[in-house]
Protein backbone atom coordinates (compact mmCIF):
# COMPACT_ATOMS: atom_id res chain seq x y z
CA MET A 1 0.00 0.00 0.00
CA LYS A 2 1.42 3.39 -0.98
CA ALA A 3 0.14 5.04 2.20
CA SER A 4 2.31 2.97 4.52
CA GLY A 5 5.38 3.91 2.46
CA PHE A 6 4.63 7.61 2.83
CA ARG A 7 3.88 7.10 6.50
CA ALA A 8 7.22 5.33 7.00
CA GLN A 9 8.97 8.28 5.32
CA GLY A 10 7.18 10.70 7.63
CA ASP A 11 5.05 12.25 4.87
CA PHE A 12 1.81 11.97 6.80
CA GLN A 13 -0.18 14.33 4.59
CA GLU A 14 0.52 12.20 1.53
CA ALA A 15 -0.16 9.05 3.55
CA ALA A 16 -3.54 10.48 4.57
CA ILE A 17 -4.47 11.02 0.92
CA TRP A 18 -3.76 7.38 0.09
CA TYR A 19 -5.35 6.02 3.27
CA ARG A 20 -8.49 8.04 2.49
CA LYS A 21 -8.67 6.56 -1.03
CA ALA A 22 -8.37 3.02 0.34
CA ALA A 23 -10.72 3.78 3.26
CA ASN A 24 -13.38 5.07 0.86
CA LEU A 25 -13.10 1.74 -0.97
CA GLY A 26 -13.88 -0.05 2.28
CA HIS A 27 -10.44 -1.26 3.37
CA ALA A 28 -10.69 -1.70 7.14
CA ASP A 29 -6.96 -1.34 7.85
CA ALA A 30 -6.89 1.94 5.90
CA GLN A 31 -10.00 3.13 7.74
CA CYS A 32 -8.30 2.36 11.05
CA ALA A 33 -5.10 4.15 10.02
CA LEU A 34 -7.02 7.19 8.80
CA ALA A 35 -9.02 7.21 12.04
CA TRP A 36 -5.79 7.32 14.05
CA MET A 37 -4.57 10.21 11.92
CA TYR A 38 -7.73 12.21 12.65
CA GLU A 39 -7.68 11.22 16.32
CA THR A 40 -4.11 12.47 16.74
CA GLY A 41 -4.05 15.24 14.13
CA THR A 42 -1.22 13.53 12.27
CA GLY A 43 -1.16 14.60 8.61
CA VAL A 44 -4.73 15.91 8.85
CA ARG A 45 -6.55 18.41 11.04
CA LEU A 46 -7.34 17.08 14.51
CA ASP A 47 -10.94 15.86 14.43
CA LYS A 48 -11.83 13.22 16.99
CA ALA A 49 -15.40 12.86 15.69
CA GLU A 50 -14.09 12.14 12.18
CA GLY A 51 -11.62 9.68 13.68
CA TYR A 52 -14.44 7.92 15.52
CA LYS A 53 -16.43 7.67 12.28
CA TRP A 54 -13.58 5.86 10.54
CA TYR A 55 -12.86 3.63 13.55
CA PHE A 56 -16.54 2.69 13.64
CA MET A 57 -16.51 1.71 9.96
CA ALA A 58 -13.42 -0.45 10.43
CA ALA A 59 -14.83 -1.96 13.65
CA GLY A 60 -17.96 -2.99 11.79
CA GLN A 61 -15.77 -4.97 9.41
CA GLY A 62 -14.16 -6.87 12.28
CA ASN A 63 -10.91 -4.91 12.71
CA ALA A 64 -9.89 -5.69 16.32
CA GLU A 65 -7.80 -2.53 16.71
CA ALA A 66 -10.71 -0.39 15.56
CA GLN A 67 -13.13 -2.27 17.83
CA LEU A 68 -10.86 -1.47 20.78
CA ALA A 69 -10.67 2.18 19.70
CA VAL A 70 -14.46 2.46 19.40
CA GLY A 71 -14.79 0.97 22.87
CA LEU A 72 -12.27 3.45 24.28
CA VAL A 73 -14.06 6.40 22.68
CA LEU A 74 -17.45 5.23 23.97
CA ALA A 75 -16.06 4.59 27.46
CA SER A 76 -14.46 8.04 27.64
CA GLY A 77 -17.22 10.06 26.02
CA VAL A 78 -14.69 12.04 23.95
CA ALA A 79 -16.19 12.95 20.55
CA VAL A 80 -19.40 11.00 21.29
CA LYS A 81 -21.81 10.54 24.18
CA LYS A 82 -20.41 8.24 26.88
CA ASP A 83 -21.89 4.76 26.43
CA ARG A 84 -20.42 2.06 28.68
CA ILE A 85 -22.73 -0.65 27.35
CA GLY A 86 -21.62 0.16 23.81
CA ALA A 87 -18.01 0.19 25.02
CA GLU A 88 -18.51 -3.24 26.59
CA PHE A 89 -19.86 -4.59 23.30
CA TRP A 90 -16.88 -3.36 21.27
CA PHE A 91 -14.33 -4.42 23.90
CA ARG A 92 -15.87 -7.91 23.81
CA GLN A 93 -15.65 -8.01 20.02
CA SER A 94 -11.98 -7.05 20.14
CA ALA A 95 -11.16 -9.32 23.09
CA GLY A 96 -12.81 -12.20 21.24
CA GLN A 97 -10.13 -11.79 18.59
CA GLY A 98 -7.39 -11.95 21.21
CA CYS A 99 -6.77 -8.23 21.81
CA ALA A 100 -5.12 -8.08 25.23
CA GLU A 101 -5.82 -4.37 25.74
CA ALA A 102 -9.54 -4.98 25.15
CA MET A 103 -9.41 -7.73 27.78
CA TYR A 104 -7.84 -5.27 30.23
CA GLN A 105 -10.45 -2.61 29.41
CA LEU A 106 -13.26 -5.10 30.05
CA GLY A 107 -11.71 -5.93 33.42
CA LYS A 108 -11.54 -2.24 34.24
CA LEU A 109 -15.13 -1.65 33.18
CA TYR A 110 -16.44 -4.49 35.38
CA ALA A 111 -14.17 -3.58 38.31
CA GLN A 112 -15.71 -0.09 38.25
CA GLY A 113 -19.18 -1.67 38.50
CA TYR A 114 -20.25 -1.11 34.90
CA GLY A 115 -21.21 -3.53 32.15
CA SER A 116 -23.94 -6.10 31.84
CA GLY A 117 -22.39 -8.59 34.28
CA GLY A 118 -25.34 -8.61 36.68
CA SER A 119 -24.82 -8.05 40.41
CA GLY A 120 -21.73 -6.67 42.10
CA GLU A 121 -20.39 -10.16 42.82
CA ASN A 122 -20.83 -11.21 39.20
CA LYS A 123 -19.04 -8.05 38.07
CA LEU A 124 -16.11 -8.86 40.35
CA CYS A 125 -15.87 -12.33 38.76
CA GLU A 126 -16.10 -10.82 35.27
CA ALA A 127 -13.44 -8.25 36.14
CA TYR A 128 -11.17 -10.97 37.52
CA LYS A 129 -11.67 -13.12 34.42
CA TRP A 130 -10.76 -10.32 32.02
CA PHE A 131 -7.80 -9.10 34.06
CA GLN A 132 -6.54 -12.70 34.25
CA LEU A 133 -6.85 -13.07 30.47
CA ALA A 134 -5.11 -9.72 29.92
CA ALA A 135 -2.29 -10.68 32.29
CA GLY A 136 -1.93 -13.99 30.44
CA HIS A 137 -1.45 -11.98 27.26
CA GLY A 138 1.30 -9.87 28.78
CA VAL A 139 -0.58 -6.85 30.15
CA ALA A 140 1.46 -6.33 33.32
CA ARG A 141 -0.78 -3.58 34.70
CA ALA A 142 -3.54 -6.21 35.07
CA LEU A 143 -1.58 -7.94 37.86
CA PRO A 144 -2.16 -5.33 40.60
CA CYS A 145 -5.82 -5.26 39.58
CA LEU A 146 -6.02 -9.02 40.16
CA ARG A 147 -4.36 -8.67 43.59
CA ALA A 148 -6.84 -5.94 44.54
CA LEU A 149 -9.80 -8.05 43.45
CA GLU A 150 -8.50 -11.05 45.38
CA GLN A 151 -8.88 -8.97 48.54
CA LYS A 152 -12.58 -8.49 47.77
CA MET A 153 -13.46 -11.96 46.46
CA SER A 154 -13.97 -15.33 48.10
CA GLN A 155 -11.93 -18.33 46.98
CA ILE A 156 -15.11 -19.75 45.41
CA GLN A 157 -15.57 -16.59 43.32
CA ILE A 158 -11.94 -16.68 42.21
CA SER A 159 -12.30 -20.35 41.25
CA GLU A 160 -15.45 -19.54 39.26
CA ALA A 161 -13.65 -16.72 37.45
CA LEU A 162 -10.73 -19.05 36.63
CA LEU A 163 -13.19 -21.59 35.19
CA GLN A 164 -14.56 -18.82 32.97
CA VAL A 165 -11.02 -18.02 31.87
CA ALA A 166 -10.51 -21.67 30.87
CA GLU A 167 -13.82 -21.71 28.98
CA PHE A 168 -12.91 -18.55 27.09
CA GLN A 169 -9.51 -19.96 26.16
CA LYS A 170 -11.06 -23.24 25.06
CA LYS A 171 -13.45 -21.40 22.72
CA ARG A 172 -10.54 -19.44 21.22
CA ASP A 173 -8.47 -22.56 20.53
């Protein structure tokens, strides 16, 4: 792709032109790259709403990076109305493809008491499950979160969460 060559050379304005052409043709990776450019103001004017639009298009095509980005935007409420349920949906889509950061974000969402995990105890188990999965994928900042949850959870709850981890991993294999 020409855009990545221009991007590698540091010519972000030219890269944006080529990413936009490919994005308009429906290429999810180009949509995601163009979204990042708008989100950061790299090679184009800073426009977080335009960035979200392109991330959303790429996310709808199954791009895990874009799904994570949509979840982050919805969770933060920057450029769009805050929507934690929508964020949960997109984090789950991305995590289902093995995105460790999405797993961490799901853990964070549940640990804060949000998401569709039911009661507070169920949310603790969900948080533990997702932090455990994130840690298993190398997200070191999930480890202190696990230790903190262990102080709040019974051994039975931790065992249940670990069973859910095993089930998730089995489905992915």
